[in-house]
Every structure is written in C-alpha cells, then in structure tokens.
C-alpha cells in the first residue's frame, strides 16, 4: 500500500511539473486559482515539535511534506502566533521567531526558513492572535489570486481559517494522513 501511495504521489508531482498553467481569461477569471495554491502552516506542533522544553524537532512527516510541496513548486508560508512585542513589523517578528526556533533546534540540518521567504505572518497586536480571523485574512490576501490552504493542529484555528476563506486541514489526526495529501493541493475540488 505504501508503494502505491508513493507511486501515486510521484505521478501527481510529475504531472504538475509538466502540465502548463491555465491562463486566466476574462471569461474564466478563476482559472488561475485552480492551478495555483499556497499552503500556510501553523509552526508549533504542526511543523515543529515543541513538546520538550528547549528542544525543537520536526513533527512526524512534516519535513517530507515540505519537500514534496517544494518539489512541485507550491509556495508555503507560516501563520503563527508570537508575542507582538517581538517586533514592530512582520519582518522583525519573523526574525525573532527564526532566532527563537534556531536557538532550540535539535535537528542535524537547519530549519528551512528560505522556503517560506517573506510569507511569515505574525500578529501585530494581541487581538490579531489566532484564532482571530486577521492573520488568516492577511494570508488569503497575500496569496490572491491563488487558492489558500491552512494546516494546523488546533480545531479552533482550522475553523477560523475556513471562515476567512482558506481550506483548512487538521493535522495529526489518527484517521487521516498527518498532512494534507498532495493531490488535494494540486487538484483542489473546493471553489
């Protein structure tokens, strides 16, 4: 069964790399959104295991999931709660977040911050902290016109993400894959 799943993922990934993007037209303005997606993640206990104080590692399957998304060209971002006092701008708060994680990172290879680029959204005020809608709305706007996904381990955050118009996926559930299946990102069925 695992071999079949790997072959299916490889086939989908290869198809996504060779299929041309569908250009948006006046008659079909949403055509681009069907072929482009941005996947936003929560950081703590979704991608990074923070359960052991002072020692951060990958959550099971997270590193592989990020590699798969990168292999097929899907941009990823972080929507994560940090204290607003960590900086006056998203860039300053992102730098503080990177320093915080890097200072506790216990894996051999560094955390792949470059993969996220400037797509690291943090609350500007306490009122913007998740599960408030503000960060999710900013993520959806930053990804426009592409379809936005949000993967996280907290049901309230998934609900808020969906209220803001993102497609939510609750990670780490025993009855489903740990992370959203690649085919759902590449060939989404929701409008």
C-alpha atoms as a PDB file:
ATOM      1  CA  UNK A   1       0.000   0.000   0.000  1.00  0.00           C
ATOM      2  CA  UNK A   2       2.845   2.405   0.822  1.00  0.00           C
ATOM      3  CA  UNK A   3       4.442   1.669  -2.564  1.00  0.00           C
ATOM      4  CA  UNK A   4       1.157   2.516  -4.293  1.00  0.00           C
ATOM      5  CA  UNK A   5       0.870   5.781  -2.331  1.00  0.00           C
ATOM      6  CA  UNK A   6       4.451   6.728  -3.251  1.00  0.00           C
ATOM      7  CA  UNK A   7       3.869   5.937  -6.924  1.00  0.00           C
ATOM      8  CA  UNK A   8       0.648   7.960  -6.929  1.00  0.00           C
ATOM      9  CA  UNK A   9       2.379  10.942  -5.291  1.00  0.00           C
ATOM     10  CA  UNK A  10       5.261  10.747  -7.755  1.00  0.00           C
ATOM     11  CA  UNK A  11       2.854  10.565 -10.699  1.00  0.00           C
ATOM     12  CA  UNK A  12       0.897  13.592  -9.441  1.00  0.00           C
ATOM     13  CA  UNK A  13       4.081  15.527  -8.812  1.00  0.00           C
ATOM     14  CA  UNK A  14       5.457  14.735 -12.267  1.00  0.00           C
ATOM     15  CA  UNK A  15       2.159  15.699 -13.884  1.00  0.00           C
ATOM     16  CA  UNK A  16       2.092  19.011 -12.055  1.00  0.00           C
ATOM     17  CA  UNK A  17       5.580  19.806 -13.295  1.00  0.00           C
ATOM     18  CA  UNK A  18       4.802  19.183 -16.960  1.00  0.00           C
ATOM     19  CA  UNK A  19       1.243  20.481 -17.224  1.00  0.00           C
ATOM     20  CA  UNK A  20       1.080  24.074 -18.405  1.00  0.00           C
ATOM     21  CA  UNK A  21      -0.561  26.594 -16.126  1.00  0.00           C
ATOM     22  CA  UNK A  22      -4.048  27.576 -17.192  1.00  0.00           C
ATOM     23  CA  UNK A  23      -4.079  31.282 -18.014  1.00  0.00           C
ATOM     24  CA  UNK A  24      -6.858  33.392 -16.530  1.00  0.00           C
ATOM     25  CA  UNK A  25      -9.184  34.930 -19.081  1.00  0.00           C
ATOM     26  CA  UNK A  26     -11.988  37.422 -18.893  1.00  0.00           C
ATOM     27  CA  UNK A  27     -14.451  34.546 -19.309  1.00  0.00           C
ATOM     28  CA  UNK A  28     -12.759  32.413 -16.648  1.00  0.00           C
ATOM     29  CA  UNK A  29     -11.069  34.700 -14.096  1.00  0.00           C
ATOM     30  CA  UNK A  30     -10.851  31.886 -11.536  1.00  0.00           C
ATOM     31  CA  UNK A  31      -8.877  29.644 -13.906  1.00  0.00           C
ATOM     32  CA  UNK A  32      -5.560  30.652 -12.333  1.00  0.00           C
ATOM     33  CA  UNK A  33      -6.781  29.749  -8.853  1.00  0.00           C
ATOM     34  CA  UNK A  34      -7.485  26.193  -9.987  1.00  0.00           C
ATOM     35  CA  UNK A  35      -3.826  25.715 -10.895  1.00  0.00           C
ATOM     36  CA  UNK A  36      -2.078  27.651  -8.131  1.00  0.00           C
ATOM     37  CA  UNK A  37      -2.155  27.110  -4.429  1.00  0.00           C
ATOM     38  CA  UNK A  38      -0.344  28.473  -1.377  1.00  0.00           C
ATOM     39  CA  UNK A  39      -0.131  26.325   1.733  1.00  0.00           C
ATOM     40  CA  UNK A  40       0.067  28.154   5.053  1.00  0.00           C
ATOM     41  CA  UNK A  41       1.128  26.341   8.217  1.00  0.00           C
ATOM     42  CA  UNK A  42       0.995  26.846  11.924  1.00  0.00           C
ATOM     43  CA  UNK A  43       4.534  26.424  13.276  1.00  0.00           C
ATOM     44  CA  UNK A  44       4.423  24.968  16.795  1.00  0.00           C
ATOM     45  CA  UNK A  45       3.187  21.371  17.000  1.00  0.00           C
ATOM     46  CA  UNK A  46       2.233  21.382  13.326  1.00  0.00           C
ATOM     47  CA  UNK A  47       5.658  21.586  11.643  1.00  0.00           C
ATOM     48  CA  UNK A  48       7.865  21.838  14.725  1.00  0.00           C
ATOM     49  CA  UNK A  49       7.513  19.633  17.792  1.00  0.00           C
ATOM     50  CA  UNK A  50       7.736  21.907  20.852  1.00  0.00           C
ATOM     51  CA  UNK A  51       6.659  19.375  23.473  1.00  0.00           C
ATOM     52  CA  UNK A  52      10.126  19.072  25.037  1.00  0.00           C
ATOM     53  CA  UNK A  53      11.159  22.398  26.582  1.00  0.00           C
ATOM     54  CA  UNK A  54      14.270  23.849  24.962  1.00  0.00           C
ATOM     55  CA  UNK A  55      14.422  21.180  22.237  1.00  0.00           C
ATOM     56  CA  UNK A  56      12.594  21.607  18.927  1.00  0.00           C
ATOM     57  CA  UNK A  57      12.427  18.927  16.247  1.00  0.00           C
ATOM     58  CA  UNK A  58      10.302  18.094  13.205  1.00  0.00           C
ATOM     59  CA  UNK A  59       6.794  16.789  13.711  1.00  0.00           C
ATOM     60  CA  UNK A  60       6.422  13.323  12.189  1.00  0.00           C
ATOM     61  CA  UNK A  61       6.163  13.679   8.383  1.00  0.00           C
ATOM     62  CA  UNK A  62       6.497  17.486   8.318  1.00  0.00           C
ATOM     63  CA  UNK A  63       9.896  17.664   6.648  1.00  0.00           C
ATOM     64  CA  UNK A  64       8.827  15.191   3.937  1.00  0.00           C
ATOM     65  CA  UNK A  65       5.601  17.134   3.344  1.00  0.00           C
ATOM     66  CA  UNK A  66       7.503  20.412   2.884  1.00  0.00           C
ATOM     67  CA  UNK A  67       9.931  18.721   0.483  1.00  0.00           C
ATOM     68  CA  UNK A  68       7.040  17.367  -1.589  1.00  0.00           C
ATOM     69  CA  UNK A  69       5.412  20.800  -1.799  1.00  0.00           C
ATOM     70  CA  UNK A  70       8.726  22.381  -2.819  1.00  0.00           C
ATOM     71  CA  UNK A  71       9.344  19.671  -5.430  1.00  0.00           C
ATOM     72  CA  UNK A  72       6.119  20.593  -7.231  1.00  0.00           C
ATOM     73  CA  UNK A  73       6.560  24.351  -6.796  1.00  0.00           C
ATOM     74  CA  UNK A  74       3.825  25.055  -4.248  1.00  0.00           C
ATOM     75  CA  UNK A  75       4.705  28.135  -2.160  1.00  0.00           C
ATOM     76  CA  UNK A  76       4.415  27.744   1.598  1.00  0.00           C
ATOM     77  CA  UNK A  77       4.041  30.241   4.414  1.00  0.00           C
ATOM     78  CA  UNK A  78       3.653  30.437   8.160  1.00  0.00           C
ATOM     79  CA  UNK A  79       0.753  31.911  10.078  1.00  0.00           C
ATOM     80  CA  UNK A  80       1.993  31.702  13.634  1.00  0.00           C
ATOM     81  CA  UNK A  81       1.329  33.320  16.973  1.00  0.00           C
ATOM     82  CA  UNK A  82       4.290  35.073  18.573  1.00  0.00           C
ATOM     83  CA  UNK A  83       4.256  37.944  21.046  1.00  0.00           C
ATOM     84  CA  UNK A  84       3.576  41.212  19.173  1.00  0.00           C
ATOM     85  CA  UNK A  85       6.365  42.730  21.268  1.00  0.00           C
ATOM     86  CA  UNK A  86       8.888  40.678  19.260  1.00  0.00           C
ATOM     87  CA  UNK A  87       8.960  43.452  16.658  1.00  0.00           C
ATOM     88  CA  UNK A  88       7.200  46.379  15.059  1.00  0.00           C
ATOM     89  CA  UNK A  89       6.849  44.649  11.648  1.00  0.00           C
ATOM     90  CA  UNK A  90       6.219  41.153  10.321  1.00  0.00           C
ATOM     91  CA  UNK A  91       9.863  41.077   9.201  1.00  0.00           C
ATOM     92  CA  UNK A  92      11.119  41.913  12.706  1.00  0.00           C
ATOM     93  CA  UNK A  93       8.777  39.389  14.339  1.00  0.00           C
ATOM     94  CA  UNK A  94       9.781  36.783  11.731  1.00  0.00           C
ATOM     95  CA  UNK A  95      13.471  37.378  12.510  1.00  0.00           C
ATOM     96  CA  UNK A  96      12.774  36.969  16.230  1.00  0.00           C
ATOM     97  CA  UNK A  97      10.802  33.772  15.540  1.00  0.00           C
ATOM     98  CA  UNK A  98      13.672  32.364  13.475  1.00  0.00           C
ATOM     99  CA  UNK A  99      16.180  33.176  16.231  1.00  0.00           C
ATOM    100  CA  UNK A 100      13.910  31.595  18.863  1.00  0.00           C
ATOM    101  CA  UNK A 101      13.443  28.359  16.878  1.00  0.00           C
ATOM    102  CA  UNK A 102      17.084  28.191  15.762  1.00  0.00           C
ATOM    103  CA  UNK A 103      18.235  28.573  19.359  1.00  0.00           C
ATOM    104  CA  UNK A 104      16.310  25.418  20.325  1.00  0.00           C
ATOM    105  CA  UNK A 105      16.605  23.445  17.069  1.00  0.00           C
ATOM    106  CA  UNK A 106      17.887  19.924  17.765  1.00  0.00           C
ATOM    107  CA  UNK A 107      17.934  18.513  14.209  1.00  0.00           C
ATOM    108  CA  UNK A 108      21.165  17.997  12.238  1.00  0.00           C
ATOM    109  CA  UNK A 109      20.039  20.190   9.331  1.00  0.00           C
ATOM    110  CA  UNK A 110      18.810  23.728   9.985  1.00  0.00           C
ATOM    111  CA  UNK A 111      15.139  24.611   9.686  1.00  0.00           C
ATOM    112  CA  UNK A 112      14.432  25.599   6.026  1.00  0.00           C
ATOM    113  CA  UNK A 113      13.453  29.238   6.566  1.00  0.00           C
ATOM    114  CA  UNK A 114      14.306  30.163   2.964  1.00  0.00           C
ATOM    115  CA  UNK A 115      11.439  28.005   1.714  1.00  0.00           C
ATOM    116  CA  UNK A 116       8.980  30.390   3.416  1.00  0.00           C
ATOM    117  CA  UNK A 117      10.518  33.578   2.012  1.00  0.00           C
ATOM    118  CA  UNK A 118       8.648  36.604   3.316  1.00  0.00           C
ATOM    119  CA  UNK A 119       5.477  34.566   3.877  1.00  0.00           C
ATOM    120  CA  UNK A 120       5.723  34.557   7.684  1.00  0.00           C
ATOM    121  CA  UNK A 121       2.672  36.247   9.183  1.00  0.00           C
ATOM    122  CA  UNK A 122       2.541  37.084  12.879  1.00  0.00           C
ATOM    123  CA  UNK A 123       0.077  39.080  14.996  1.00  0.00           C
ATOM    124  CA  UNK A 124       0.620  42.835  15.084  1.00  0.00           C
ATOM    125  CA  UNK A 125      -1.428  43.051  18.277  1.00  0.00           C
ATOM    126  CA  UNK A 126      -2.742  40.564  20.840  1.00  0.00           C
ATOM    127  CA  UNK A 127      -6.197  40.972  19.278  1.00  0.00           C
ATOM    128  CA  UNK A 128      -4.816  39.585  15.980  1.00  0.00           C
ATOM    129  CA  UNK A 129      -3.566  36.378  17.606  1.00  0.00           C
ATOM    130  CA  UNK A 130      -5.105  33.172  16.296  1.00  0.00           C
ATOM    131  CA  UNK A 131      -7.808  32.030  16.308  1.00  0.00           C
ATOM    132  CA  UNK A 132      -8.833  35.594  15.399  1.00  0.00           C
ATOM    133  CA  UNK A 133      -9.519  35.952  11.668  1.00  0.00           C
ATOM    134  CA  UNK A 134      -6.994  38.742  10.995  1.00  0.00           C
ATOM    135  CA  UNK A 135      -3.925  36.601  10.233  1.00  0.00           C
ATOM    136  CA  UNK A 136      -5.909  34.221   8.046  1.00  0.00           C
ATOM    137  CA  UNK A 137      -7.413  37.136   6.115  1.00  0.00           C
ATOM    138  CA  UNK A 138      -3.919  38.550   5.592  1.00  0.00           C
ATOM    139  CA  UNK A 139      -2.730  35.149   4.364  1.00  0.00           C
ATOM    140  CA  UNK A 140      -5.604  34.797   1.916  1.00  0.00           C
ATOM    141  CA  UNK A 141      -4.974  38.313   0.600  1.00  0.00           C
ATOM    142  CA  UNK A 142      -1.212  37.702   0.252  1.00  0.00           C
ATOM    143  CA  UNK A 143      -1.862  34.516  -1.745  1.00  0.00           C
ATOM    144  CA  UNK A 144      -4.501  36.004  -4.050  1.00  0.00           C
ATOM    145  CA  UNK A 145      -5.486  35.010  -6.702  1.00  0.00           C
ATOM    146  CA  UNK A 146      -4.256  31.564  -5.706  1.00  0.00           C
ATOM    147  CA  UNK A 147      -6.194  29.181  -3.525  1.00  0.00           C
ATOM    148  CA  UNK A 148      -5.058  29.197   0.121  1.00  0.00           C
ATOM    149  CA  UNK A 149      -4.772  26.222   2.436  1.00  0.00           C
ATOM    150  CA  UNK A 150      -4.051  26.239   6.158  1.00  0.00           C
ATOM    151  CA  UNK A 151      -2.649  23.254   8.033  1.00  0.00           C
ATOM    152  CA  UNK A 152      -2.677  23.290  11.819  1.00  0.00           C
ATOM    153  CA  UNK A 153      -3.268  21.099  14.852  1.00  0.00           C
ATOM    154  CA  UNK A 154      -5.891  23.264  16.587  1.00  0.00           C
ATOM    155  CA  UNK A 155      -9.573  22.823  15.615  1.00  0.00           C
ATOM    156  CA  UNK A 156     -10.432  26.447  16.523  1.00  0.00           C
ATOM    157  CA  UNK A 157      -7.732  27.713  14.150  1.00  0.00           C
ATOM    158  CA  UNK A 158      -8.960  25.453  11.339  1.00  0.00           C
ATOM    159  CA  UNK A 159     -12.485  26.815  11.834  1.00  0.00           C
ATOM    160  CA  UNK A 160     -11.200  30.413  11.767  1.00  0.00           C
ATOM    161  CA  UNK A 161      -9.115  29.751   8.655  1.00  0.00           C
ATOM    162  CA  UNK A 162     -12.160  28.350   6.875  1.00  0.00           C
ATOM    163  CA  UNK A 163     -14.271  31.337   7.982  1.00  0.00           C
ATOM    164  CA  UNK A 164     -11.626  33.570   6.372  1.00  0.00           C
ATOM    165  CA  UNK A 165     -11.892  31.618   3.108  1.00  0.00           C
ATOM    166  CA  UNK A 166      -8.923  29.248   3.367  1.00  0.00           C
ATOM    167  CA  UNK A 167      -9.226  25.493   3.006  1.00  0.00           C
ATOM    168  CA  UNK A 168      -8.391  24.040   6.403  1.00  0.00           C
ATOM    169  CA  UNK A 169      -6.721  20.759   7.266  1.00  0.00           C
ATOM    170  CA  UNK A 170      -6.464  19.476  10.837  1.00  0.00           C
ATOM    171  CA  UNK A 171      -3.083  17.769  11.147  1.00  0.00           C
ATOM    172  CA  UNK A 172      -2.100  14.796  13.268  1.00  0.00           C
ATOM    173  CA  UNK A 173      -5.453  13.014  13.246  1.00  0.00           C
ATOM    174  CA  UNK A 174      -5.321   9.213  13.613  1.00  0.00           C
ATOM    175  CA  UNK A 175      -7.944   8.546  10.929  1.00  0.00           C
ATOM    176  CA  UNK A 176      -6.324  10.547   8.096  1.00  0.00           C
ATOM    177  CA  UNK A 177      -2.886  11.431   6.682  1.00  0.00           C
ATOM    178  CA  UNK A 178      -0.815  13.579   9.060  1.00  0.00           C
ATOM    179  CA  UNK A 179      -0.702  16.380   6.458  1.00  0.00           C
ATOM    180  CA  UNK A 180      -2.958  17.302   3.576  1.00  0.00           C
ATOM    181  CA  UNK A 181      -2.474  14.906   0.653  1.00  0.00           C
ATOM    182  CA  UNK A 182      -0.510  16.483  -2.183  1.00  0.00           C
ATOM    183  CA  UNK A 183      -3.227  15.769  -4.732  1.00  0.00           C
ATOM    184  CA  UNK A 184      -5.693  17.935  -2.770  1.00  0.00           C
ATOM    185  CA  UNK A 185      -3.323  20.889  -3.055  1.00  0.00           C
ATOM    186  CA  UNK A 186      -2.550  20.325  -6.739  1.00  0.00           C
ATOM    187  CA  UNK A 187      -6.096  19.487  -7.813  1.00  0.00           C
ATOM    188  CA  UNK A 188      -8.407  21.148  -5.291  1.00  0.00           C
ATOM    189  CA  UNK A 189     -12.090  20.398  -5.550  1.00  0.00           C
ATOM    190  CA  UNK A 190     -13.462  23.257  -3.441  1.00  0.00           C
ATOM    191  CA  UNK A 191     -14.086  26.593  -5.167  1.00  0.00           C
END
